[in-house]
Amino acid sequence: MSRAALVVIDVQESFRQRPIWAYASQPDVVGQVNRLVDAARRRGDLVIWVLHAEPGSGGVFDPASGHVRLIDGLAPAPGEPTLVKTAHNAFTTTNLQQLLTLAGVRELTVCGIRTEQCVETTARLGHDLGYELTFVTDATATFPIPHRDLPADATVEEILADPRTLSTAEIVARTEYALAGRFATIRTVAEVVRHLQHAAPRPGAAADAVPAGV
């Protein structure tokens, strides 16, 4: 019986330090992620946490800022690995694939921040690596995207006032269109939780742990 894993991507304090956080597509992303985490743990699935870091950048993703940590309300259980990446996807600069291979994982569920960036990129690469992907859109969050010609120092007010700005609804719709039928199955938190509740517990789940030395 192959194992499944939930990968929680970049639900970190860094994002809350930006003014645009007030316009997140999913204000309750922490609560939604916790629902998935609780269901995955009950099922005996592996839960893997991922954080994004930009060392030396001097910004909110620089580990020196103190913000490269999970948002309050999220916490790994004993044995659940936390990986730190420096690329958009969760595979390239971490040992995620090694962890999944050693655990016998073939099915991945992904969630986190940002919908169209790190979460979508991870889903695309995971599919190309042969994993069966579930993308839980309402357990992701994103923010309005300014037009490429808008100055990099534009304020949130200027971004929101620009008619060229891509809204969060448009971002979510485009992401789902791009992934569905190609890279991932699109599901809601409620659908995933319901599926896990009706699935038989995985044999030996309580005794499983991340292999030592990984």
N, C-alpha and C. Protein backbone atom coordinates (compact mmCIF):
# COMPACT_ATOMS: atom_id res chain seq x y z
N MET A 1 0.85 -1.20 0.00
CA MET A 1 0.00 0.00 0.00
C MET A 1 0.88 1.25 0.00
N SER A 2 0.77 2.08 -1.03
CA SER A 2 1.60 3.28 -1.10
C SER A 2 1.12 4.30 -0.07
N ARG A 3 2.03 5.13 0.35
CA ARG A 3 1.72 6.12 1.36
C ARG A 3 1.42 7.47 0.71
N ALA A 4 0.68 8.30 1.40
CA ALA A 4 0.38 9.65 0.93
C ALA A 4 1.03 10.67 1.86
N ALA A 5 1.22 11.87 1.35
CA ALA A 5 1.82 12.93 2.15
C ALA A 5 1.12 14.26 1.88
N LEU A 6 1.06 15.07 2.92
CA LEU A 6 0.59 16.43 2.82
C LEU A 6 1.80 17.35 2.92
N VAL A 7 1.98 18.22 1.93
CA VAL A 7 3.10 19.15 1.95
C VAL A 7 2.54 20.56 2.13
N VAL A 8 2.92 21.18 3.24
CA VAL A 8 2.45 22.53 3.60
C VAL A 8 3.56 23.51 3.24
N ILE A 9 3.28 24.40 2.30
CA ILE A 9 4.32 25.22 1.69
C ILE A 9 4.22 26.69 2.11
N ASP A 10 5.24 27.18 2.79
CA ASP A 10 5.47 28.61 3.02
C ASP A 10 4.35 29.34 3.75
N VAL A 11 3.66 28.67 4.65
CA VAL A 11 2.66 29.39 5.45
C VAL A 11 3.42 30.01 6.62
N GLN A 12 4.13 31.07 6.31
CA GLN A 12 5.11 31.62 7.24
C GLN A 12 4.90 33.09 7.53
N GLU A 13 5.50 33.49 8.64
CA GLU A 13 5.34 34.85 9.14
C GLU A 13 5.80 35.91 8.14
N SER A 14 6.72 35.57 7.28
CA SER A 14 7.24 36.53 6.29
C SER A 14 6.12 37.25 5.56
N PHE A 15 5.11 36.49 5.13
CA PHE A 15 4.02 37.10 4.37
C PHE A 15 3.20 38.08 5.20
N ARG A 16 3.06 37.78 6.48
CA ARG A 16 2.24 38.66 7.33
C ARG A 16 2.93 40.01 7.58
N GLN A 17 4.22 40.09 7.26
CA GLN A 17 4.95 41.33 7.46
C GLN A 17 4.76 42.31 6.31
N ARG A 18 4.08 41.88 5.26
CA ARG A 18 3.85 42.74 4.11
C ARG A 18 2.45 43.36 4.16
N PRO A 19 2.32 44.63 3.80
CA PRO A 19 1.00 45.29 3.84
C PRO A 19 -0.05 44.57 2.99
N ILE A 20 0.37 43.92 1.92
CA ILE A 20 -0.56 43.24 1.02
C ILE A 20 -1.25 42.05 1.69
N TRP A 21 -0.74 41.63 2.85
CA TRP A 21 -1.34 40.50 3.57
C TRP A 21 -2.83 40.74 3.83
N ALA A 22 -3.20 41.98 4.05
CA ALA A 22 -4.60 42.31 4.34
C ALA A 22 -5.53 41.95 3.19
N TYR A 23 -4.97 41.69 2.01
CA TYR A 23 -5.78 41.39 0.83
C TYR A 23 -5.58 39.96 0.35
N ALA A 24 -5.20 39.08 1.28
CA ALA A 24 -4.99 37.67 0.95
C ALA A 24 -6.29 37.04 0.46
N SER A 25 -6.17 36.13 -0.50
CA SER A 25 -7.35 35.46 -1.05
C SER A 25 -8.03 34.55 -0.03
N GLN A 26 -7.26 34.04 0.92
CA GLN A 26 -7.81 33.14 1.94
C GLN A 26 -7.34 33.63 3.31
N PRO A 27 -8.12 34.51 3.95
CA PRO A 27 -7.71 35.05 5.25
C PRO A 27 -7.52 33.97 6.31
N ASP A 28 -8.24 32.85 6.17
CA ASP A 28 -8.15 31.78 7.18
C ASP A 28 -7.28 30.63 6.68
N VAL A 29 -6.19 30.96 6.00
CA VAL A 29 -5.34 29.90 5.46
C VAL A 29 -4.79 29.01 6.57
N VAL A 30 -4.51 29.58 7.74
CA VAL A 30 -4.00 28.77 8.85
C VAL A 30 -5.05 27.75 9.30
N GLY A 31 -6.29 28.19 9.45
CA GLY A 31 -7.35 27.27 9.85
C GLY A 31 -7.57 26.18 8.82
N GLN A 32 -7.55 26.54 7.55
CA GLN A 32 -7.75 25.57 6.47
C GLN A 32 -6.61 24.55 6.43
N VAL A 33 -5.39 25.02 6.58
CA VAL A 33 -4.25 24.10 6.61
C VAL A 33 -4.36 23.17 7.81
N ASN A 34 -4.74 23.69 8.96
CA ASN A 34 -4.86 22.84 10.14
C ASN A 34 -5.91 21.75 9.95
N ARG A 35 -6.98 22.04 9.23
CA ARG A 35 -7.97 21.00 8.95
C ARG A 35 -7.36 19.86 8.13
N LEU A 36 -6.57 20.23 7.15
CA LEU A 36 -5.90 19.20 6.34
C LEU A 36 -4.89 18.42 7.17
N VAL A 37 -4.13 19.14 7.98
CA VAL A 37 -3.10 18.49 8.81
C VAL A 37 -3.74 17.50 9.78
N ASP A 38 -4.81 17.91 10.43
CA ASP A 38 -5.48 17.02 11.38
C ASP A 38 -5.99 15.76 10.68
N ALA A 39 -6.58 15.93 9.50
CA ALA A 39 -7.11 14.78 8.76
C ALA A 39 -5.99 13.87 8.30
N ALA A 40 -4.89 14.44 7.84
CA ALA A 40 -3.76 13.63 7.38
C ALA A 40 -3.15 12.84 8.53
N ARG A 41 -3.02 13.47 9.67
CA ARG A 41 -2.46 12.77 10.84
C ARG A 41 -3.36 11.62 11.26
N ARG A 42 -4.66 11.85 11.28
CA ARG A 42 -5.58 10.77 11.66
C ARG A 42 -5.48 9.59 10.70
N ARG A 43 -5.27 9.90 9.45
CA ARG A 43 -5.16 8.85 8.43
C ARG A 43 -3.82 8.13 8.49
N GLY A 44 -2.82 8.76 9.12
CA GLY A 44 -1.49 8.18 9.17
C GLY A 44 -0.62 8.61 8.01
N ASP A 45 -1.01 9.70 7.33
CA ASP A 45 -0.21 10.21 6.23
C ASP A 45 0.94 11.06 6.77
N LEU A 46 1.98 11.15 5.98
CA LEU A 46 3.13 11.97 6.34
C LEU A 46 2.79 13.44 6.13
N VAL A 47 3.18 14.29 7.07
CA VAL A 47 3.01 15.74 6.94
C VAL A 47 4.40 16.36 6.88
N ILE A 48 4.64 17.14 5.83
CA ILE A 48 5.93 17.79 5.65
C ILE A 48 5.72 19.29 5.55
N TRP A 49 6.50 20.04 6.31
CA TRP A 49 6.39 21.49 6.35
C TRP A 49 7.55 22.11 5.58
N VAL A 50 7.26 23.13 4.80
CA VAL A 50 8.29 23.79 3.99
C VAL A 50 8.26 25.30 4.26
N LEU A 51 9.44 25.87 4.43
CA LEU A 51 9.59 27.32 4.59
C LEU A 51 10.48 27.85 3.47
N HIS A 52 10.27 29.12 3.12
CA HIS A 52 11.09 29.74 2.08
C HIS A 52 12.05 30.74 2.71
N ALA A 53 13.32 30.68 2.30
CA ALA A 53 14.34 31.58 2.84
C ALA A 53 15.13 32.23 1.72
N GLU A 54 15.51 33.47 1.93
CA GLU A 54 16.38 34.21 1.01
C GLU A 54 17.52 34.81 1.83
N PRO A 55 18.51 33.98 2.18
CA PRO A 55 19.60 34.44 3.04
C PRO A 55 20.34 35.63 2.44
N GLY A 56 20.63 36.61 3.28
CA GLY A 56 21.38 37.77 2.85
C GLY A 56 20.60 38.82 2.11
N SER A 57 19.29 38.62 1.94
CA SER A 57 18.48 39.56 1.17
C SER A 57 18.11 40.81 1.96
N GLY A 58 18.12 40.67 3.28
CA GLY A 58 17.74 41.79 4.12
C GLY A 58 16.24 42.02 4.20
N GLY A 59 15.46 41.16 3.56
CA GLY A 59 14.01 41.31 3.56
C GLY A 59 13.33 40.37 4.54
N VAL A 60 12.01 40.23 4.37
CA VAL A 60 11.23 39.43 5.32
C VAL A 60 11.48 37.93 5.15
N PHE A 61 12.12 37.54 4.03
CA PHE A 61 12.44 36.12 3.84
C PHE A 61 13.89 35.80 4.21
N ASP A 62 14.60 36.79 4.68
CA ASP A 62 15.95 36.58 5.20
C ASP A 62 15.83 35.95 6.59
N PRO A 63 16.46 34.81 6.82
CA PRO A 63 16.37 34.19 8.15
C PRO A 63 16.76 35.13 9.28
N ALA A 64 17.62 36.10 8.99
CA ALA A 64 18.05 37.04 10.03
C ALA A 64 16.89 37.92 10.51
N SER A 65 15.83 38.01 9.71
CA SER A 65 14.68 38.85 10.09
C SER A 65 13.87 38.22 11.22
N GLY A 66 13.99 36.92 11.39
CA GLY A 66 13.20 36.22 12.40
C GLY A 66 11.81 35.84 11.94
N HIS A 67 11.50 36.12 10.67
CA HIS A 67 10.16 35.85 10.16
C HIS A 67 10.05 34.55 9.37
N VAL A 68 11.16 33.87 9.17
CA VAL A 68 11.11 32.60 8.44
C VAL A 68 10.73 31.50 9.42
N ARG A 69 9.47 31.50 9.78
CA ARG A 69 8.91 30.54 10.73
C ARG A 69 7.43 30.41 10.44
N LEU A 70 6.85 29.30 10.86
CA LEU A 70 5.43 29.08 10.65
C LEU A 70 4.60 30.15 11.34
N ILE A 71 3.50 30.52 10.72
CA ILE A 71 2.57 31.46 11.35
C ILE A 71 2.02 30.83 12.62
N ASP A 72 1.83 31.64 13.64
CA ASP A 72 1.27 31.15 14.90
C ASP A 72 -0.02 30.38 14.64
N GLY A 73 -0.15 29.25 15.30
CA GLY A 73 -1.32 28.39 15.11
C GLY A 73 -0.98 27.14 14.32
N LEU A 74 0.22 27.11 13.72
CA LEU A 74 0.70 25.93 13.01
C LEU A 74 1.92 25.38 13.74
N ALA A 75 1.98 24.07 13.88
CA ALA A 75 3.11 23.48 14.58
C ALA A 75 3.32 22.04 14.13
N PRO A 76 4.53 21.68 13.71
CA PRO A 76 4.81 20.28 13.36
C PRO A 76 4.69 19.37 14.58
N ALA A 77 4.19 18.17 14.37
CA ALA A 77 4.18 17.16 15.41
C ALA A 77 5.54 16.47 15.42
N PRO A 78 5.87 15.78 16.51
CA PRO A 78 7.14 15.05 16.54
C PRO A 78 7.26 14.11 15.34
N GLY A 79 8.42 14.16 14.69
CA GLY A 79 8.65 13.31 13.53
C GLY A 79 8.27 13.91 12.20
N GLU A 80 7.59 15.07 12.22
CA GLU A 80 7.23 15.74 10.97
C GLU A 80 8.34 16.69 10.57
N PRO A 81 8.97 16.46 9.41
CA PRO A 81 10.11 17.29 9.02
C PRO A 81 9.71 18.69 8.59
N THR A 82 10.60 19.64 8.84
CA THR A 82 10.47 20.99 8.33
C THR A 82 11.66 21.26 7.42
N LEU A 83 11.39 21.55 6.16
CA LEU A 83 12.43 21.80 5.17
C LEU A 83 12.49 23.29 4.85
N VAL A 84 13.66 23.78 4.55
CA VAL A 84 13.84 25.18 4.17
C VAL A 84 14.35 25.22 2.73
N LYS A 85 13.61 25.88 1.87
CA LYS A 85 13.96 25.95 0.45
C LYS A 85 14.41 27.36 0.08
N THR A 86 15.15 27.45 -1.02
CA THR A 86 15.55 28.75 -1.55
C THR A 86 15.11 28.92 -3.00
N ALA A 87 14.34 27.97 -3.51
CA ALA A 87 13.77 28.03 -4.85
C ALA A 87 12.25 28.10 -4.72
N HIS A 88 11.57 28.37 -5.83
CA HIS A 88 10.11 28.46 -5.77
C HIS A 88 9.49 27.11 -5.44
N ASN A 89 9.92 26.04 -6.08
CA ASN A 89 9.32 24.73 -5.79
C ASN A 89 9.97 24.11 -4.57
N ALA A 90 9.28 23.16 -3.97
CA ALA A 90 9.75 22.56 -2.72
C ALA A 90 10.74 21.42 -2.92
N PHE A 91 11.05 21.09 -4.17
CA PHE A 91 11.94 19.96 -4.45
C PHE A 91 13.40 20.35 -4.67
N THR A 92 13.63 21.37 -5.49
CA THR A 92 14.96 21.61 -6.06
C THR A 92 16.06 21.81 -5.03
N THR A 93 15.79 22.58 -3.98
CA THR A 93 16.85 22.92 -3.02
C THR A 93 16.66 22.23 -1.67
N THR A 94 15.87 21.16 -1.63
CA THR A 94 15.66 20.41 -0.39
C THR A 94 15.81 18.91 -0.68
N ASN A 95 15.70 18.11 0.36
CA ASN A 95 15.71 16.65 0.19
C ASN A 95 14.29 16.08 0.23
N LEU A 96 13.32 16.87 -0.22
CA LEU A 96 11.92 16.43 -0.20
C LEU A 96 11.74 15.11 -0.94
N GLN A 97 12.28 15.00 -2.13
CA GLN A 97 12.08 13.78 -2.90
C GLN A 97 12.68 12.57 -2.19
N GLN A 98 13.81 12.75 -1.54
CA GLN A 98 14.42 11.66 -0.79
C GLN A 98 13.50 11.21 0.35
N LEU A 99 12.95 12.17 1.08
CA LEU A 99 12.02 11.84 2.16
C LEU A 99 10.82 11.06 1.65
N LEU A 100 10.26 11.51 0.54
CA LEU A 100 9.08 10.85 -0.01
C LEU A 100 9.41 9.44 -0.49
N THR A 101 10.56 9.29 -1.12
CA THR A 101 10.95 7.98 -1.63
C THR A 101 11.17 7.00 -0.48
N LEU A 102 11.87 7.43 0.55
CA LEU A 102 12.13 6.55 1.69
C LEU A 102 10.85 6.18 2.42
N ALA A 103 9.87 7.06 2.39
CA ALA A 103 8.59 6.79 3.08
C ALA A 103 7.61 6.05 2.18
N GLY A 104 7.98 5.80 0.93
CA GLY A 104 7.09 5.08 0.03
C GLY A 104 5.90 5.89 -0.44
N VAL A 105 6.05 7.21 -0.49
CA VAL A 105 4.95 8.10 -0.87
C VAL A 105 4.83 8.19 -2.39
N ARG A 106 3.61 8.04 -2.88
CA ARG A 106 3.32 8.24 -4.31
C ARG A 106 2.21 9.26 -4.53
N GLU A 107 1.50 9.63 -3.46
CA GLU A 107 0.39 10.58 -3.57
C GLU A 107 0.70 11.82 -2.72
N LEU A 108 0.63 12.99 -3.35
CA LEU A 108 0.92 14.24 -2.65
C LEU A 108 -0.30 15.15 -2.66
N THR A 109 -0.55 15.76 -1.52
CA THR A 109 -1.52 16.84 -1.42
C THR A 109 -0.75 18.09 -1.06
N VAL A 110 -0.97 19.18 -1.80
CA VAL A 110 -0.21 20.41 -1.53
C VAL A 110 -1.15 21.56 -1.18
N CYS A 111 -0.64 22.45 -0.33
CA CYS A 111 -1.37 23.63 0.09
C CYS A 111 -0.35 24.67 0.51
N GLY A 112 -0.80 25.90 0.77
CA GLY A 112 0.13 26.90 1.27
C GLY A 112 0.06 28.24 0.56
N ILE A 113 1.18 28.96 0.57
CA ILE A 113 1.31 30.31 0.02
C ILE A 113 2.53 30.32 -0.92
N ARG A 114 2.48 30.92 -2.10
CA ARG A 114 1.36 31.52 -2.77
C ARG A 114 0.75 30.53 -3.74
N THR A 115 -0.55 30.70 -3.97
CA THR A 115 -1.30 29.77 -4.81
C THR A 115 -0.62 29.50 -6.14
N GLU A 116 -0.32 30.57 -6.89
CA GLU A 116 0.18 30.46 -8.26
C GLU A 116 1.70 30.40 -8.35
N GLN A 117 2.36 30.51 -7.22
CA GLN A 117 3.82 30.57 -7.26
C GLN A 117 4.41 29.30 -6.67
N CYS A 118 4.73 29.29 -5.39
CA CYS A 118 5.42 28.13 -4.83
C CYS A 118 4.55 26.88 -4.76
N VAL A 119 3.25 27.04 -4.51
CA VAL A 119 2.39 25.86 -4.42
C VAL A 119 2.16 25.26 -5.80
N GLU A 120 1.82 26.11 -6.77
CA GLU A 120 1.60 25.61 -8.12
C GLU A 120 2.89 25.03 -8.71
N THR A 121 4.02 25.70 -8.50
CA THR A 121 5.28 25.21 -9.05
C THR A 121 5.65 23.86 -8.46
N THR A 122 5.39 23.68 -7.18
CA THR A 122 5.64 22.38 -6.55
C THR A 122 4.75 21.31 -7.14
N ALA A 123 3.48 21.64 -7.37
CA ALA A 123 2.55 20.68 -7.96
C ALA A 123 3.00 20.26 -9.35
N ARG A 124 3.41 21.22 -10.16
CA ARG A 124 3.86 20.91 -11.52
C ARG A 124 5.07 19.99 -11.51
N LEU A 125 6.07 20.33 -10.69
CA LEU A 125 7.27 19.52 -10.66
C LEU A 125 6.99 18.15 -10.05
N GLY A 126 6.15 18.11 -9.01
CA GLY A 126 5.79 16.83 -8.40
C GLY A 126 5.13 15.90 -9.39
N HIS A 127 4.24 16.44 -10.21
CA HIS A 127 3.60 15.62 -11.24
C HIS A 127 4.64 15.10 -12.22
N ASP A 128 5.56 15.95 -12.65
CA ASP A 128 6.59 15.52 -13.60
C ASP A 128 7.50 14.45 -13.00
N LEU A 129 7.60 14.42 -11.68
CA LEU A 129 8.41 13.40 -11.00
C LEU A 129 7.64 12.10 -10.79
N GLY A 130 6.36 12.10 -11.17
CA GLY A 130 5.59 10.86 -11.12
C GLY A 130 4.64 10.74 -9.95
N TYR A 131 4.47 11.80 -9.16
CA TYR A 131 3.55 11.74 -8.03
C TYR A 131 2.12 12.06 -8.48
N GLU A 132 1.17 11.47 -7.80
CA GLU A 132 -0.24 11.80 -8.02
C GLU A 132 -0.57 13.00 -7.15
N LEU A 133 -0.96 14.11 -7.76
CA LEU A 133 -1.08 15.39 -7.06
C LEU A 133 -2.52 15.80 -6.80
N THR A 134 -2.77 16.28 -5.59
CA THR A 134 -4.02 16.95 -5.25
C THR A 134 -3.68 18.36 -4.82
N PHE A 135 -4.34 19.33 -5.44
CA PHE A 135 -4.11 20.75 -5.16
C PHE A 135 -5.34 21.28 -4.44
N VAL A 136 -5.16 21.72 -3.19
CA VAL A 136 -6.30 22.15 -2.37
C VAL A 136 -6.36 23.67 -2.38
N THR A 137 -7.10 24.20 -3.32
CA THR A 137 -7.06 25.64 -3.57
C THR A 137 -7.48 26.47 -2.37
N ASP A 138 -8.53 26.06 -1.66
CA ASP A 138 -8.99 26.90 -0.55
C ASP A 138 -8.15 26.72 0.71
N ALA A 139 -7.07 25.96 0.62
CA ALA A 139 -6.05 25.92 1.67
C ALA A 139 -4.76 26.56 1.15
N THR A 140 -4.92 27.41 0.12
CA THR A 140 -3.81 28.22 -0.36
C THR A 140 -4.21 29.69 -0.23
N ALA A 141 -3.23 30.55 -0.34
CA ALA A 141 -3.51 31.99 -0.32
C ALA A 141 -2.60 32.68 -1.32
N THR A 142 -3.10 33.75 -1.90
CA THR A 142 -2.30 34.58 -2.77
C THR A 142 -2.73 36.03 -2.61
N PHE A 143 -2.12 36.91 -3.39
CA PHE A 143 -2.34 38.34 -3.24
C PHE A 143 -2.43 38.98 -4.63
N PRO A 144 -3.07 40.14 -4.74
CA PRO A 144 -3.14 40.80 -6.04
C PRO A 144 -1.75 40.98 -6.64
N ILE A 145 -1.64 40.74 -7.95
CA ILE A 145 -0.35 40.84 -8.64
C ILE A 145 -0.33 42.10 -9.50
N PRO A 146 0.63 42.99 -9.25
CA PRO A 146 0.70 44.21 -10.05
C PRO A 146 1.18 43.93 -11.47
N HIS A 147 0.83 44.81 -12.39
CA HIS A 147 1.31 44.70 -13.75
C HIS A 147 2.83 44.88 -13.78
N ARG A 148 3.47 44.23 -14.71
CA ARG A 148 4.94 44.25 -14.77
C ARG A 148 5.50 45.65 -14.97
N ASP A 149 4.71 46.57 -15.51
CA ASP A 149 5.19 47.93 -15.75
C ASP A 149 4.99 48.86 -14.55
N LEU A 150 4.32 48.38 -13.52
CA LEU A 150 4.14 49.20 -12.33
C LEU A 150 5.46 49.26 -11.58
N PRO A 151 5.87 50.41 -11.07
CA PRO A 151 7.15 50.51 -10.35
C PRO A 151 7.22 49.52 -9.19
N ALA A 152 8.42 49.01 -8.95
CA ALA A 152 8.61 48.00 -7.90
C ALA A 152 8.27 48.55 -6.52
N ASP A 153 8.36 49.87 -6.35
CA ASP A 153 8.07 50.46 -5.05
C ASP A 153 6.64 50.99 -4.94
N ALA A 154 5.77 50.53 -5.82
CA ALA A 154 4.37 50.97 -5.77
C ALA A 154 3.73 50.57 -4.45
N THR A 155 2.87 51.41 -3.93
CA THR A 155 2.19 51.11 -2.67
C THR A 155 1.04 50.13 -2.92
N VAL A 156 0.54 49.57 -1.86
CA VAL A 156 -0.61 48.67 -1.97
C VAL A 156 -1.79 49.42 -2.59
N GLU A 157 -1.98 50.66 -2.19
CA GLU A 157 -3.08 51.44 -2.74
C GLU A 157 -2.94 51.62 -4.25
N GLU A 158 -1.71 51.86 -4.70
CA GLU A 158 -1.47 52.03 -6.13
C GLU A 158 -1.68 50.72 -6.89
N ILE A 159 -1.27 49.61 -6.27
CA ILE A 159 -1.47 48.30 -6.90
C ILE A 159 -2.95 48.01 -7.06
N LEU A 160 -3.72 48.26 -6.01
CA LEU A 160 -5.15 47.96 -6.04
C LEU A 160 -5.91 48.88 -6.98
N ALA A 161 -5.42 50.10 -7.13
CA ALA A 161 -6.11 51.07 -7.99
C ALA A 161 -5.80 50.88 -9.48
N ASP A 162 -4.76 50.17 -9.78
CA ASP A 162 -4.34 49.96 -11.17
C ASP A 162 -5.27 48.94 -11.84
N PRO A 163 -5.96 49.30 -12.91
CA PRO A 163 -6.89 48.36 -13.56
C PRO A 163 -6.18 47.15 -14.18
N ARG A 164 -4.87 47.22 -14.31
CA ARG A 164 -4.11 46.10 -14.87
C ARG A 164 -3.76 45.05 -13.82
N THR A 165 -3.96 45.37 -12.55
CA THR A 165 -3.64 44.44 -11.47
C THR A 165 -4.48 43.17 -11.60
N LEU A 166 -3.83 42.04 -11.43
CA LEU A 166 -4.53 40.76 -11.48
C LEU A 166 -5.11 40.46 -10.11
N SER A 167 -6.41 40.28 -10.05
CA SER A 167 -7.07 40.04 -8.76
C SER A 167 -6.81 38.63 -8.27
N THR A 168 -7.05 38.41 -6.99
CA THR A 168 -6.84 37.07 -6.44
C THR A 168 -7.81 36.07 -7.05
N ALA A 169 -9.03 36.50 -7.35
CA ALA A 169 -9.99 35.58 -7.98
C ALA A 169 -9.49 35.14 -9.35
N GLU A 170 -8.92 36.08 -10.11
CA GLU A 170 -8.38 35.73 -11.42
C GLU A 170 -7.18 34.80 -11.29
N ILE A 171 -6.34 35.04 -10.31
CA ILE A 171 -5.16 34.19 -10.10
C ILE A 171 -5.59 32.76 -9.77
N VAL A 172 -6.52 32.63 -8.84
CA VAL A 172 -6.99 31.30 -8.44
C VAL A 172 -7.62 30.58 -9.63
N ALA A 173 -8.46 31.28 -10.40
CA ALA A 173 -9.10 30.65 -11.55
C ALA A 173 -8.07 30.19 -12.58
N ARG A 174 -7.10 31.02 -12.88
CA ARG A 174 -6.08 30.67 -13.86
C ARG A 174 -5.25 29.48 -13.38
N THR A 175 -4.93 29.46 -12.10
CA THR A 175 -4.15 28.34 -11.56
C THR A 175 -4.91 27.03 -11.69
N GLU A 176 -6.18 27.06 -11.32
CA GLU A 176 -6.98 25.84 -11.41
C GLU A 176 -7.11 25.37 -12.87
N TYR A 177 -7.33 26.30 -13.77
CA TYR A 177 -7.42 25.94 -15.19
C TYR A 177 -6.13 25.32 -15.68
N ALA A 178 -4.99 25.87 -15.27
CA ALA A 178 -3.69 25.38 -15.74
C ALA A 178 -3.36 24.00 -15.18
N LEU A 179 -3.77 23.74 -13.93
CA LEU A 179 -3.39 22.48 -13.28
C LEU A 179 -4.36 21.33 -13.57
N ALA A 180 -5.64 21.61 -13.58
CA ALA A 180 -6.65 20.56 -13.68
C ALA A 180 -6.52 19.77 -14.98
N GLY A 181 -6.48 18.45 -14.85
CA GLY A 181 -6.40 17.59 -16.02
C GLY A 181 -5.01 17.48 -16.61
N ARG A 182 -4.08 18.26 -16.08
CA ARG A 182 -2.70 18.23 -16.57
C ARG A 182 -1.72 17.83 -15.49
N PHE A 183 -1.77 18.56 -14.37
CA PHE A 183 -0.79 18.35 -13.32
C PHE A 183 -1.38 17.88 -11.99
N ALA A 184 -2.64 18.17 -11.75
CA ALA A 184 -3.20 17.87 -10.43
C ALA A 184 -4.71 17.77 -10.48
N THR A 185 -5.25 17.13 -9.45
CA THR A 185 -6.69 17.13 -9.21
C THR A 185 -6.99 18.28 -8.26
N ILE A 186 -7.97 19.11 -8.60
CA ILE A 186 -8.35 20.24 -7.76
C ILE A 186 -9.42 19.78 -6.78
N ARG A 187 -9.15 20.01 -5.49
CA ARG A 187 -10.13 19.64 -4.47
C ARG A 187 -10.23 20.74 -3.42
N THR A 188 -11.34 20.74 -2.69
CA THR A 188 -11.51 21.65 -1.56
C THR A 188 -11.06 20.96 -0.29
N VAL A 189 -10.88 21.75 0.75
CA VAL A 189 -10.54 21.17 2.06
C VAL A 189 -11.61 20.18 2.49
N ALA A 190 -12.87 20.55 2.34
CA ALA A 190 -13.96 19.67 2.75
C ALA A 190 -13.91 18.34 2.01
N GLU A 191 -13.61 18.38 0.72
CA GLU A 191 -13.54 17.15 -0.07
C GLU A 191 -12.38 16.26 0.39
N VAL A 192 -11.24 16.87 0.65
CA VAL A 192 -10.08 16.08 1.09
C VAL A 192 -10.33 15.48 2.47
N VAL A 193 -10.86 16.27 3.38
CA VAL A 193 -11.14 15.78 4.73
C VAL A 193 -12.15 14.64 4.68
N ARG A 194 -13.19 14.80 3.89
CA ARG A 194 -14.20 13.75 3.76
C ARG A 194 -13.58 12.46 3.21
N HIS A 195 -12.73 12.62 2.21
CA HIS A 195 -12.06 11.44 1.62
C HIS A 195 -11.19 10.74 2.65
N LEU A 196 -10.42 11.49 3.43
CA LEU A 196 -9.53 10.88 4.42
C LEU A 196 -10.32 10.25 5.56
N GLN A 197 -11.46 10.84 5.91
CA GLN A 197 -12.28 10.28 6.98
C GLN A 197 -12.85 8.92 6.61
N HIS A 198 -13.13 8.74 5.32
CA HIS A 198 -13.73 7.48 4.87
C HIS A 198 -12.69 6.46 4.43
N ALA A 199 -11.44 6.88 4.34
CA ALA A 199 -10.37 5.96 3.95
C ALA A 199 -9.94 5.16 5.16
N ALA A 200 -9.58 3.90 4.94
CA ALA A 200 -9.11 3.05 6.04
C ALA A 200 -7.77 3.57 6.54
N PRO A 201 -7.54 3.52 7.86
CA PRO A 201 -6.23 3.93 8.38
C PRO A 201 -5.12 3.12 7.73
N ARG A 202 -4.02 3.78 7.44
CA ARG A 202 -2.92 3.07 6.80
C ARG A 202 -2.25 2.13 7.79
N PRO A 203 -2.06 0.87 7.47
CA PRO A 203 -1.46 -0.09 8.39
C PRO A 203 -0.10 0.38 8.88
N GLY A 204 0.10 0.30 10.21
CA GLY A 204 1.39 0.64 10.78
C GLY A 204 1.66 2.12 10.88
N ALA A 205 0.63 2.93 10.68
CA ALA A 205 0.86 4.37 10.65
C ALA A 205 1.43 4.88 11.96
N ALA A 206 0.93 4.38 13.08
CA ALA A 206 1.37 4.90 14.36
C ALA A 206 2.84 4.63 14.60
N ALA A 207 3.37 3.58 14.00
CA ALA A 207 4.75 3.23 14.25
C ALA A 207 5.72 3.91 13.29
N ASP A 208 5.20 4.58 12.28
CA ASP A 208 6.06 5.19 11.26
C ASP A 208 6.75 6.43 11.80
N ALA A 209 7.91 6.70 11.25
CA ALA A 209 8.64 7.91 11.56
C ALA A 209 9.53 8.24 10.39
N VAL A 210 10.00 9.46 10.34
CA VAL A 210 10.93 9.83 9.29
C VAL A 210 12.22 9.08 9.54
N PRO A 211 12.81 8.44 8.52
CA PRO A 211 14.03 7.66 8.71
C PRO A 211 15.14 8.48 9.37
N ALA A 212 15.84 7.88 10.28
CA ALA A 212 16.93 8.55 10.99
C ALA A 212 18.00 8.97 10.01
N GLY A 213 18.56 10.15 10.26
CA GLY A 213 19.66 10.64 9.44
C GLY A 213 19.22 11.34 8.18
N VAL A 214 17.91 11.45 7.93
CA VAL A 214 17.44 12.13 6.72
C VAL A 214 17.13 13.59 7.04
